[in-house]
Amino acid sequence: MTDSPVIHWFRRDLRLTDNLALREALKTRQPVIPLFIVDPALRRGEKFGLPRLKFMLDGLSALDDLLREYGTRLLVRHGDPREMLPALVDQTGATAVYFNRDYTPYAARRENVLKDRLRVPFIGCDDAMLHPPDTIKTKGEGKPYTVYTPYRNQWFELPKPAPAMGVIEGKRFHTLEGVENSGVPTLAELGFSATIPVPTAGELVARKRLVEFTSGAIFTYAEDRNRLIPNPFDEPPPQGTSYLSPYLRMGMISPRQMFDAAKQAWNHAETSAQRHSVEVWMSELAWREFYMGILYHFPQVYHTSFRPEFEKVEWRSDADDFQRWSNGQTGFPIIDAAMRQMNAIGWMHNRARMIVASFMTKDLLLHWRMGENDFMQKLIDGDPAANNGGWQWAAGTGTDAQPYFRIFNPVSQSQKFDPRGEYIRYWIPELRDVPDKHIHAPHEMAIPPTGYPPPMVDHAWARQRTLDAFKAVKQETDSGKY
């Protein structure tokens, strides 16, 4: 066994179990340096999110605690990875760098630069997806799918890789003796004074939540998934969804672990309804990978509409309207409750995300990019591909998007998904004394509640405005002008 080390570069894979690149590094039987680089890009730009940064730092601390059990620590460096990695290779004499691929445009560009700069093997593994982007193509022409249903069908047909649940035998980590290590920074050390409430991070918590979900709530997921839960990170976790999205986003759990646990639940299901619920939850993993593939194959969607003709829509850019939406002051209780929830805890239910995105793009006719950025700044689980895909779906501008003429009525959505107003009352204290019959439209009361604004827009009028705006573009497109 040689004493020359290899490096495992942690990024979106903050766990030791079922970590493909880490396992490959450990298989060399060379000392493995566990590395994380705090890239300045993590904390700048219009899509930077402080809650997500806090959750990531907590996850790094949890990873560092686990590494101590193996006689090492997480090596943390600050700077541009394109400079820091080659320097660390030279400093330590490392003979290879292992990493798990990230399919976002920025990460792909960074990896391409490192392939040229590093003078040692730069070995990437496909860890973040069950089926990497190039593995699912249309059967006739071999092109990327741009419609979800046929993608999902092929996704389910393919065999799924099994998770490797332990850290491999013969493990050996570098002790980091003599290697400068600043350790996992705090928010304050990175220059942020805010106190951000986030759920407990780390792979141990993620695995516990997965076990709890797949042994119980997954069997009623199909009927409960649209329940609007005030705080999903309570203990024990409430019924509804798995609430694992932040952990999957940071790689504190792998998609293989999640799919395998769901498959075992399917095998133990007692009724066809339970099996259907498990399959519906599995489909959420397919949606995630569909959007990751879209961003990989069509990176332009990060900056423009997938259907470019809809850039011609006369989108508004009213800053006051946007702030009222962003702060939860629209006068539509379901919208305001959802936005206040995200502002407070960095999370929002998927159903609520669809409702507020439809309202911003269709009722206010604000460009979807404004909402996309707002979500990325606030969501713990903010993922570039899923967030972009969700916003373009709601706006009607994306691949396999909701048709532009389907516009959510916020009052109807409120009545359907929060019928007793429990979610609304939790997040809007001004409405806690409003009776059930008025909770979805308190402005209709003879004496509206004090301190809560009236609706900022008439939905019927706004709906027609949006239909007219999209129809104008469609007519011009059909005529060949665009």
Protein backbone atom coordinates (compact mmCIF):
# COMPACT_ATOMS: atom_id res chain seq x y z
CA MET A 1 0.00 0.00 0.00
CA THR A 2 1.45 3.32 -1.01
CA ASP A 3 1.40 6.35 1.27
CA SER A 4 0.60 8.71 -1.58
CA PRO A 5 -2.96 9.96 -1.01
CA VAL A 6 -5.93 10.46 -3.27
CA ILE A 7 -8.50 13.22 -2.82
CA HIS A 8 -12.26 12.91 -2.62
CA TRP A 9 -13.82 16.28 -3.41
CA PHE A 10 -17.19 16.60 -1.65
CA ARG A 11 -19.81 18.86 -3.24
CA ARG A 12 -23.47 17.79 -3.49
CA ASP A 13 -22.70 14.49 -1.77
CA LEU A 14 -22.38 15.25 1.94
CA ARG A 15 -22.49 11.65 3.19
CA LEU A 16 -20.24 8.62 3.67
CA THR A 17 -22.69 5.84 2.83
CA ASP A 18 -23.57 5.01 -0.77
CA ASN A 19 -21.21 7.68 -2.07
CA LEU A 20 -19.96 6.35 -5.40
CA ALA A 21 -16.87 8.49 -5.88
CA LEU A 22 -15.83 8.13 -2.24
CA ARG A 23 -16.11 4.35 -2.54
CA GLU A 24 -13.93 4.38 -5.64
CA ALA A 25 -11.34 6.47 -3.81
CA LEU A 26 -11.37 4.11 -0.83
CA LYS A 27 -11.00 1.09 -3.11
CA THR A 28 -7.53 2.32 -4.09
CA ARG A 29 -6.42 1.51 -0.51
CA GLN A 30 -4.50 4.77 -0.56
CA PRO A 31 -5.09 7.35 2.17
CA VAL A 32 -8.14 9.39 1.18
CA ILE A 33 -8.21 13.13 1.84
CA PRO A 34 -11.85 14.21 2.36
CA LEU A 35 -12.03 17.72 0.91
CA PHE A 36 -14.61 20.46 0.67
CA ILE A 37 -13.86 23.79 -1.00
CA VAL A 38 -15.87 26.85 -0.01
CA ASP A 39 -16.23 28.40 -3.44
CA PRO A 40 -16.93 32.17 -3.37
CA ALA A 41 -19.62 31.45 -5.99
CA LEU A 42 -21.61 29.73 -3.23
CA ARG A 43 -22.40 33.05 -1.62
CA ARG A 44 -22.93 35.53 -4.41
CA GLY A 45 -25.24 36.17 -7.31
CA GLU A 46 -28.98 36.62 -7.70
CA LYS A 47 -29.63 32.96 -6.85
CA PHE A 48 -27.60 32.87 -3.64
CA GLY A 49 -29.60 31.59 -0.67
CA LEU A 50 -28.55 32.17 2.94
CA PRO A 51 -30.85 29.45 4.39
CA ARG A 52 -29.39 26.92 1.96
CA LEU A 53 -25.86 27.98 2.88
CA LYS A 54 -26.66 27.51 6.58
CA PHE A 55 -28.11 24.05 5.96
CA MET A 56 -25.05 23.13 3.91
CA LEU A 57 -22.67 24.30 6.66
CA ASP A 58 -24.59 22.27 9.22
CA GLY A 59 -24.34 19.30 6.88
CA LEU A 60 -20.60 19.79 6.59
CA SER A 61 -20.31 19.82 10.38
CA ALA A 62 -22.30 16.58 10.57
CA LEU A 63 -20.04 15.05 7.92
CA ASP A 64 -16.97 16.20 9.86
CA ASP A 65 -18.33 14.50 12.99
CA LEU A 66 -18.71 11.21 11.11
CA LEU A 67 -15.22 11.47 9.66
CA ARG A 68 -13.77 11.83 13.15
CA GLU A 69 -14.96 8.29 13.82
CA TYR A 70 -12.54 7.20 11.09
CA GLY A 71 -9.60 9.12 12.50
CA THR A 72 -9.74 12.13 10.24
CA ARG A 73 -11.50 15.45 9.67
CA LEU A 74 -13.07 17.20 6.74
CA LEU A 75 -10.39 19.28 5.06
CA VAL A 76 -11.85 22.70 4.24
CA ARG A 77 -10.26 25.19 1.89
CA HIS A 78 -11.57 28.56 0.71
CA GLY A 79 -11.25 29.78 -2.85
CA ASP A 80 -11.86 28.94 -6.48
CA PRO A 81 -11.69 25.14 -6.90
CA ARG A 82 -10.00 25.63 -10.26
CA GLU A 83 -7.05 27.02 -8.32
CA MET A 84 -7.37 25.28 -4.96
CA LEU A 85 -7.51 21.69 -6.24
CA PRO A 86 -4.31 21.80 -8.34
CA ALA A 87 -2.54 23.52 -5.44
CA LEU A 88 -3.64 20.84 -2.97
CA VAL A 89 -2.57 18.06 -5.35
CA ASP A 90 0.89 19.62 -5.53
CA GLN A 91 1.03 20.16 -1.76
CA THR A 92 0.02 16.63 -0.77
CA GLY A 93 1.39 14.61 -3.67
CA ALA A 94 -2.08 13.21 -4.36
CA THR A 95 -2.16 10.80 -7.28
CA ALA A 96 -5.84 11.25 -8.23
CA VAL A 97 -8.92 13.34 -7.51
CA TYR A 98 -12.33 11.66 -7.22
CA PHE A 99 -15.61 13.53 -7.43
CA ASN A 100 -19.30 13.01 -8.13
CA ARG A 101 -20.53 14.84 -11.20
CA ASP A 102 -22.76 17.88 -10.95
CA TYR A 103 -24.86 18.45 -14.06
CA THR A 104 -25.52 22.19 -13.70
CA PRO A 105 -23.93 24.50 -16.31
CA TYR A 106 -21.57 26.23 -13.85
CA ALA A 107 -20.35 22.95 -12.38
CA ALA A 108 -19.84 21.41 -15.81
CA ARG A 109 -17.71 24.37 -16.93
CA ARG A 110 -15.67 24.14 -13.74
CA GLU A 111 -15.08 20.42 -14.21
CA ASN A 112 -13.91 20.95 -17.79
CA VAL A 113 -11.34 23.49 -16.64
CA LEU A 114 -10.06 21.13 -13.95
CA LYS A 115 -9.66 18.29 -16.44
CA ASP A 116 -7.14 20.46 -18.27
CA ARG A 117 -5.39 21.91 -15.22
CA LEU A 118 -4.91 18.82 -13.08
CA ARG A 119 -1.86 16.70 -13.84
CA VAL A 120 -3.39 13.65 -12.17
CA PRO A 121 -6.47 11.57 -13.06
CA PHE A 122 -9.71 13.47 -12.42
CA ILE A 123 -12.24 10.69 -11.91
CA GLY A 124 -15.95 11.49 -11.93
CA CYS A 125 -18.86 9.26 -10.94
CA ASP A 126 -22.57 9.55 -11.69
CA ASP A 127 -23.86 9.63 -8.13
CA ALA A 128 -26.56 12.31 -8.07
CA MET A 129 -29.02 10.57 -10.39
CA LEU A 130 -30.38 7.08 -10.83
CA HIS A 131 -30.12 7.57 -14.58
CA PRO A 132 -27.65 10.27 -15.73
CA PRO A 133 -28.80 12.66 -18.47
CA ASP A 134 -27.30 10.82 -21.43
CA THR A 135 -28.82 7.45 -20.51
CA ILE A 136 -32.46 8.22 -21.33
CA LYS A 137 -33.14 9.30 -24.91
CA THR A 138 -36.02 8.97 -27.34
CA LYS A 139 -36.04 5.49 -28.81
CA GLY A 140 -36.30 6.60 -32.41
CA GLU A 141 -33.95 9.57 -32.82
CA GLY A 142 -31.89 9.26 -29.66
CA LYS A 143 -32.70 12.81 -28.56
CA PRO A 144 -33.37 14.12 -25.05
CA TYR A 145 -36.97 13.86 -23.95
CA THR A 146 -38.80 17.16 -23.62
CA VAL A 147 -42.11 15.61 -22.54
CA TYR A 148 -42.30 14.04 -19.11
CA THR A 149 -44.66 11.08 -19.59
CA PRO A 150 -42.60 9.11 -22.16
CA TYR A 151 -39.48 9.99 -20.16
CA ARG A 152 -41.08 8.61 -17.01
CA ASN A 153 -42.14 5.44 -18.79
CA GLN A 154 -38.59 4.70 -19.92
CA TRP A 155 -37.22 5.77 -16.53
CA PHE A 156 -39.35 3.14 -14.80
CA GLU A 157 -38.42 0.47 -17.36
CA LEU A 158 -34.70 0.76 -16.65
CA PRO A 159 -33.15 -1.30 -13.83
CA LYS A 160 -32.17 0.82 -10.84
CA PRO A 161 -28.70 0.64 -9.27
CA ALA A 162 -28.77 -0.65 -5.70
CA PRO A 163 -27.34 1.43 -2.87
CA ALA A 164 -24.15 0.43 -1.09
CA MET A 165 -25.14 1.01 2.50
CA GLY A 166 -21.77 0.89 4.26
CA VAL A 167 -18.35 2.47 3.98
CA ILE A 168 -16.28 -0.23 2.27
CA GLU A 169 -14.01 -2.71 4.02
CA GLY A 170 -10.38 -1.76 4.32
CA LYS A 171 -11.26 1.89 4.62
CA ARG A 172 -8.44 4.29 5.17
CA PHE A 173 -8.56 8.03 5.45
CA HIS A 174 -5.66 10.44 5.54
CA THR A 175 -5.13 11.75 9.07
CA LEU A 176 -4.43 15.25 7.67
CA GLU A 177 -1.40 15.49 9.93
CA GLY A 178 0.69 18.39 8.70
CA VAL A 179 -2.05 19.62 6.35
CA GLU A 180 -3.40 23.11 7.04
CA ASN A 181 -7.12 22.93 7.77
CA SER A 182 -9.39 25.84 8.63
CA GLY A 183 -12.31 23.57 9.54
CA VAL A 184 -15.99 24.03 8.75
CA PRO A 185 -16.80 27.76 8.93
CA THR A 186 -19.79 29.33 10.61
CA LEU A 187 -22.08 31.85 8.97
CA ALA A 188 -20.45 34.56 11.06
CA GLU A 189 -17.00 33.55 9.82
CA LEU A 190 -18.28 33.91 6.28
CA GLY A 191 -19.50 37.42 7.06
CA PHE A 192 -23.19 36.83 7.79
CA SER A 193 -24.74 37.93 11.08
CA ALA A 194 -28.24 36.52 10.57
CA THR A 195 -29.65 33.66 12.62
CA ILE A 196 -31.28 31.22 10.22
CA PRO A 197 -33.59 28.44 11.48
CA VAL A 198 -33.02 25.25 9.51
CA PRO A 199 -33.83 21.58 10.19
CA THR A 200 -31.17 19.32 11.65
CA ALA A 201 -28.76 18.40 8.88
CA GLY A 202 -26.73 15.30 8.09
CA GLU A 203 -27.04 11.83 6.64
CA LEU A 204 -28.07 10.21 9.92
CA VAL A 205 -31.13 12.46 10.14
CA ALA A 206 -31.89 11.90 6.46
CA ARG A 207 -31.77 8.12 6.79
CA LYS A 208 -33.98 8.25 9.89
CA ARG A 209 -36.59 10.35 8.08
CA LEU A 210 -36.50 8.00 5.09
CA VAL A 211 -37.12 4.97 7.30
CA GLU A 212 -39.99 6.71 9.08
CA PHE A 213 -41.60 7.80 5.83
CA THR A 214 -41.27 4.52 3.94
CA SER A 215 -42.62 2.53 6.88
CA GLY A 216 -45.76 4.65 7.20
CA ALA A 217 -46.73 7.82 5.35
CA ILE A 218 -45.60 6.60 1.93
CA PHE A 219 -48.62 4.27 1.84
CA THR A 220 -51.03 7.22 1.84
CA TYR A 221 -48.82 9.59 -0.16
CA ALA A 222 -51.15 9.74 -3.17
CA GLU A 223 -54.01 11.15 -1.08
CA ASP A 224 -51.96 13.12 1.45
CA ARG A 225 -49.26 14.67 -0.75
CA ASN A 226 -51.18 17.91 -1.30
CA ARG A 227 -51.79 18.54 2.41
CA LEU A 228 -50.42 21.94 3.33
CA ILE A 229 -48.40 21.34 6.49
CA PRO A 230 -47.45 24.40 8.60
CA ASN A 231 -44.03 23.06 9.64
CA PRO A 232 -42.78 19.85 8.04
CA PHE A 233 -39.70 19.60 10.24
CA ASP A 234 -41.57 19.02 13.48
CA GLU A 235 -40.85 15.80 15.37
CA PRO A 236 -42.28 13.35 14.70
CA PRO A 237 -42.59 14.32 11.03
CA PRO A 238 -46.19 15.07 10.04
CA GLN A 239 -48.05 13.00 7.45
CA GLY A 240 -47.97 14.20 3.87
CA THR A 241 -44.71 14.02 1.97
CA SER A 242 -41.24 12.78 2.93
CA TYR A 243 -39.76 16.28 3.47
CA LEU A 244 -36.44 14.85 2.26
CA SER A 245 -35.88 17.42 -0.49
CA PRO A 246 -33.28 19.48 1.44
CA TYR A 247 -31.32 16.32 2.25
CA LEU A 248 -31.42 15.08 -1.34
CA ARG A 249 -30.42 18.53 -2.57
CA MET A 250 -27.22 18.42 -0.50
CA GLY A 251 -26.56 14.74 -1.07
CA MET A 252 -27.08 13.82 2.57
CA ILE A 253 -29.03 10.91 1.12
CA SER A 254 -28.75 9.36 -2.32
CA PRO A 255 -31.50 8.75 -4.89
CA ARG A 256 -30.52 5.07 -4.79
CA GLN A 257 -31.23 4.89 -1.07
CA MET A 258 -34.57 6.61 -1.59
CA PHE A 259 -35.70 4.45 -4.50
CA ASP A 260 -34.56 1.24 -2.80
CA ALA A 261 -36.49 2.11 0.37
CA ALA A 262 -39.56 2.86 -1.73
CA LYS A 263 -39.19 -0.44 -3.60
CA GLN A 264 -39.09 -2.31 -0.30
CA ALA A 265 -42.20 -0.42 0.81
CA TRP A 266 -43.93 -1.41 -2.44
CA ASN A 267 -43.07 -5.05 -1.76
CA HIS A 268 -44.63 -4.79 1.70
CA ALA A 269 -47.74 -2.88 0.58
CA GLU A 270 -50.97 -4.64 1.49
CA THR A 271 -53.33 -3.05 -1.04
CA SER A 272 -53.26 -1.77 -4.60
CA ALA A 273 -53.92 1.73 -3.23
CA GLN A 274 -50.79 1.52 -1.10
CA ARG A 275 -48.72 0.32 -4.05
CA HIS A 276 -50.10 3.18 -6.14
CA SER A 277 -49.06 5.66 -3.46
CA VAL A 278 -45.51 4.29 -3.47
CA GLU A 279 -45.38 4.55 -7.26
CA VAL A 280 -46.58 8.16 -7.16
CA TRP A 281 -43.75 9.00 -4.75
CA MET A 282 -41.24 7.20 -6.97
CA SER A 283 -42.47 9.37 -9.83
CA GLU A 284 -41.26 12.44 -7.95
CA LEU A 285 -37.71 11.09 -8.32
CA ALA A 286 -38.38 10.76 -12.05
CA TRP A 287 -39.59 14.39 -12.21
CA ARG A 288 -36.39 15.48 -10.48
CA GLU A 289 -34.22 13.66 -13.01
CA PHE A 290 -36.33 14.86 -15.94
CA TYR A 291 -35.64 18.48 -15.02
CA MET A 292 -31.96 17.75 -14.34
CA GLY A 293 -31.77 16.36 -17.86
CA ILE A 294 -33.52 19.39 -19.32
CA LEU A 295 -31.01 21.77 -17.72
CA TYR A 296 -28.11 19.56 -18.81
CA HIS A 297 -29.20 19.28 -22.45
CA PHE A 298 -30.72 22.77 -22.76
CA PRO A 299 -28.62 25.01 -20.47
CA GLN A 300 -30.15 28.11 -22.04
CA VAL A 301 -33.29 27.54 -19.93
CA TYR A 302 -31.36 28.91 -16.96
CA HIS A 303 -31.59 32.34 -18.57
CA THR A 304 -34.50 32.23 -21.00
CA SER A 305 -37.78 30.46 -21.64
CA PHE A 306 -37.59 26.95 -23.04
CA ARG A 307 -40.19 28.12 -25.54
CA PRO A 308 -38.43 31.32 -26.67
CA GLU A 309 -41.53 32.83 -28.27
CA PHE A 310 -42.90 33.46 -24.78
CA GLU A 311 -40.05 35.85 -24.06
CA LYS A 312 -42.13 38.12 -26.31
CA VAL A 313 -44.95 38.23 -23.77
CA GLU A 314 -45.25 41.73 -22.37
CA TRP A 315 -44.15 40.69 -18.90
CA ARG A 316 -44.44 43.34 -16.21
CA SER A 317 -41.60 44.29 -13.87
CA ASP A 318 -43.54 46.14 -11.16
CA ALA A 319 -41.25 46.16 -8.12
CA ASP A 320 -44.04 47.04 -5.68
CA ASP A 321 -46.25 44.20 -6.85
CA PHE A 322 -43.33 41.80 -6.65
CA GLN A 323 -42.52 42.85 -3.08
CA ARG A 324 -46.13 42.40 -1.97
CA TRP A 325 -46.07 38.90 -3.42
CA SER A 326 -42.63 38.11 -1.98
CA ASN A 327 -43.53 39.36 1.51
CA GLY A 328 -46.92 37.63 1.67
CA GLN A 329 -49.07 40.76 1.47
CA THR A 330 -51.20 40.07 -1.61
CA GLY A 331 -54.57 39.87 0.14
CA PHE A 332 -55.04 36.27 -1.00
CA PRO A 333 -54.62 34.15 2.16
CA ILE A 334 -53.28 30.98 0.54
CA ILE A 335 -50.64 32.97 -1.34
CA ASP A 336 -49.61 34.95 1.71
CA ALA A 337 -49.47 31.93 4.02
CA ALA A 338 -47.23 30.06 1.61
CA MET A 339 -44.87 32.97 1.07
CA ARG A 340 -44.63 33.68 4.79
CA GLN A 341 -43.88 30.02 5.42
CA MET A 342 -40.99 30.10 2.95
CA ASN A 343 -39.71 33.37 4.35
CA ALA A 344 -39.75 31.92 7.88
CA ILE A 345 -38.46 28.35 7.49
CA GLY A 346 -36.99 28.15 3.99
CA TRP A 347 -39.44 25.53 2.77
CA MET A 348 -42.76 25.41 0.98
CA HIS A 349 -44.98 22.51 -0.05
CA ASN A 350 -44.89 21.65 -3.76
CA ARG A 351 -48.62 22.33 -4.14
CA ALA A 352 -48.14 25.75 -2.56
CA ARG A 353 -45.19 26.42 -4.88
CA MET A 354 -47.42 25.81 -7.88
CA ILE A 355 -50.15 28.08 -6.49
CA VAL A 356 -47.88 31.04 -5.71
CA ALA A 357 -45.96 30.65 -8.98
CA SER A 358 -49.18 30.67 -10.97
CA PHE A 359 -50.33 33.77 -9.11
CA MET A 360 -47.10 35.67 -9.71
CA THR A 361 -46.82 34.81 -13.39
CA LYS A 362 -50.49 34.73 -14.38
CA ASP A 363 -52.33 37.08 -11.99
CA LEU A 364 -49.52 39.63 -11.72
CA LEU A 365 -47.95 38.89 -15.13
CA LEU A 366 -44.47 39.20 -13.63
CA HIS A 367 -41.65 37.38 -15.40
CA TRP A 368 -41.02 33.90 -14.04
CA ARG A 369 -37.32 34.69 -13.54
CA MET A 370 -38.22 37.09 -10.72
CA GLY A 371 -39.95 34.31 -8.82
CA GLU A 372 -37.29 31.76 -9.71
CA ASN A 373 -34.61 33.95 -8.14
CA ASP A 374 -36.75 34.68 -5.09
CA PHE A 375 -37.21 30.96 -4.45
CA MET A 376 -33.51 30.22 -4.88
CA GLN A 377 -32.67 32.94 -2.37
CA LYS A 378 -35.00 31.50 0.28
CA LEU A 379 -35.44 27.74 -0.16
CA ILE A 380 -33.27 25.30 1.74
CA ASP A 381 -33.89 22.76 -1.00
CA GLY A 382 -33.49 25.24 -3.84
CA ASP A 383 -32.24 23.20 -6.80
CA PRO A 384 -31.40 24.96 -10.08
CA ALA A 385 -33.00 22.34 -12.33
CA ALA A 386 -36.16 21.59 -10.34
CA ASN A 387 -36.75 25.24 -9.48
CA ASN A 388 -36.33 26.39 -13.06
CA GLY A 389 -38.51 23.58 -14.34
CA GLY A 390 -41.23 24.30 -11.82
CA TRP A 391 -41.35 28.00 -12.58
CA GLN A 392 -41.40 27.52 -16.33
CA TRP A 393 -44.12 24.90 -15.92
CA ALA A 394 -46.26 27.35 -13.93
CA ALA A 395 -45.61 30.20 -16.36
CA GLY A 396 -46.47 28.06 -19.38
CA THR A 397 -43.07 28.79 -20.98
CA GLY A 398 -41.26 25.54 -20.32
CA THR A 399 -40.98 22.03 -21.61
CA ASP A 400 -44.13 19.99 -21.02
CA ALA A 401 -45.50 23.07 -19.26
CA GLN A 402 -48.96 23.77 -17.99
CA PRO A 403 -50.83 25.38 -20.92
CA TYR A 404 -50.85 29.15 -20.65
CA PHE A 405 -54.66 29.20 -20.53
CA ARG A 406 -54.79 27.07 -17.38
CA ILE A 407 -54.62 29.59 -14.58
CA PHE A 408 -55.09 28.68 -10.94
CA ASN A 409 -57.83 30.51 -9.06
CA PRO A 410 -56.15 31.24 -5.69
CA VAL A 411 -59.44 31.14 -3.77
CA SER A 412 -60.48 27.81 -5.29
CA GLN A 413 -57.04 26.35 -4.62
CA SER A 414 -57.27 27.54 -1.03
CA GLN A 415 -60.68 25.95 -0.55
CA LYS A 416 -59.48 22.68 -2.04
CA PHE A 417 -56.14 22.24 -0.29
CA ASP A 418 -56.67 24.06 3.02
CA PRO A 419 -60.45 23.62 3.47
CA ARG A 420 -60.53 24.52 7.18
CA GLY A 421 -57.92 27.24 6.92
CA GLU A 422 -55.52 25.64 9.39
CA TYR A 423 -52.47 26.38 7.26
CA ILE A 424 -53.64 29.95 6.63
CA ARG A 425 -54.27 30.68 10.31
CA TYR A 426 -50.89 29.27 11.33
CA TRP A 427 -48.95 31.64 9.09
CA ILE A 428 -51.26 34.67 9.07
CA PRO A 429 -52.01 35.70 12.66
CA GLU A 430 -54.20 38.56 11.38
CA LEU A 431 -56.71 35.93 10.22
CA ARG A 432 -56.79 33.60 13.22
CA ASP A 433 -60.20 34.82 14.35
CA VAL A 434 -61.80 34.78 10.91
CA PRO A 435 -64.60 32.18 10.66
CA ASP A 436 -64.20 29.24 8.30
CA LYS A 437 -66.69 30.52 5.75
CA HIS A 438 -64.59 33.66 5.18
CA ILE A 439 -61.06 32.35 5.73
CA HIS A 440 -60.33 32.00 2.00
CA ALA A 441 -61.71 35.43 1.05
CA PRO A 442 -61.74 37.62 4.19
CA HIS A 443 -62.24 40.76 2.12
CA GLU A 444 -65.85 39.63 1.58
CA MET A 445 -66.66 40.04 5.29
CA ALA A 446 -68.88 42.95 6.27
CA ILE A 447 -66.02 44.16 8.46
CA PRO A 448 -62.75 42.79 7.04
CA PRO A 449 -60.03 41.83 9.55
CA THR A 450 -57.77 44.62 10.75
CA GLY A 451 -54.21 44.64 9.50
CA TYR A 452 -54.71 42.36 6.51
CA PRO A 453 -54.71 43.89 3.02
CA PRO A 454 -57.51 43.54 0.48
CA PRO A 455 -56.75 41.55 -2.71
CA MET A 456 -54.14 43.38 -4.75
CA VAL A 457 -55.73 42.34 -8.03
CA ASP A 458 -59.06 41.11 -9.34
CA HIS A 459 -58.44 37.51 -10.39
CA ALA A 460 -60.97 37.42 -13.23
CA TRP A 461 -59.59 40.63 -14.73
CA ALA A 462 -55.99 39.49 -14.30
CA ARG A 463 -56.75 36.12 -15.86
CA GLN A 464 -58.12 37.78 -18.98
CA ARG A 465 -55.11 40.12 -19.18
CA THR A 466 -52.78 37.12 -19.19
CA LEU A 467 -54.82 35.24 -21.75
CA ASP A 468 -54.73 38.27 -24.04
CA ALA A 469 -50.96 38.67 -23.60
CA PHE A 470 -50.23 35.03 -24.44
CA LYS A 471 -52.75 34.90 -27.29
CA ALA A 472 -51.09 37.90 -28.91
CA VAL A 473 -47.74 36.12 -28.91
CA LYS A 474 -49.26 32.87 -30.12
CA GLN A 475 -50.98 34.62 -33.03
CA GLU A 476 -47.74 36.32 -34.02
CA THR A 477 -45.88 33.00 -33.75
CA ASP A 478 -48.45 31.15 -35.82
CA SER A 479 -48.26 33.86 -38.47
CA GLY A 480 -44.49 33.43 -38.67
CA LYS A 481 -43.55 36.83 -37.28
CA TYR A 482 -41.54 35.33 -34.39
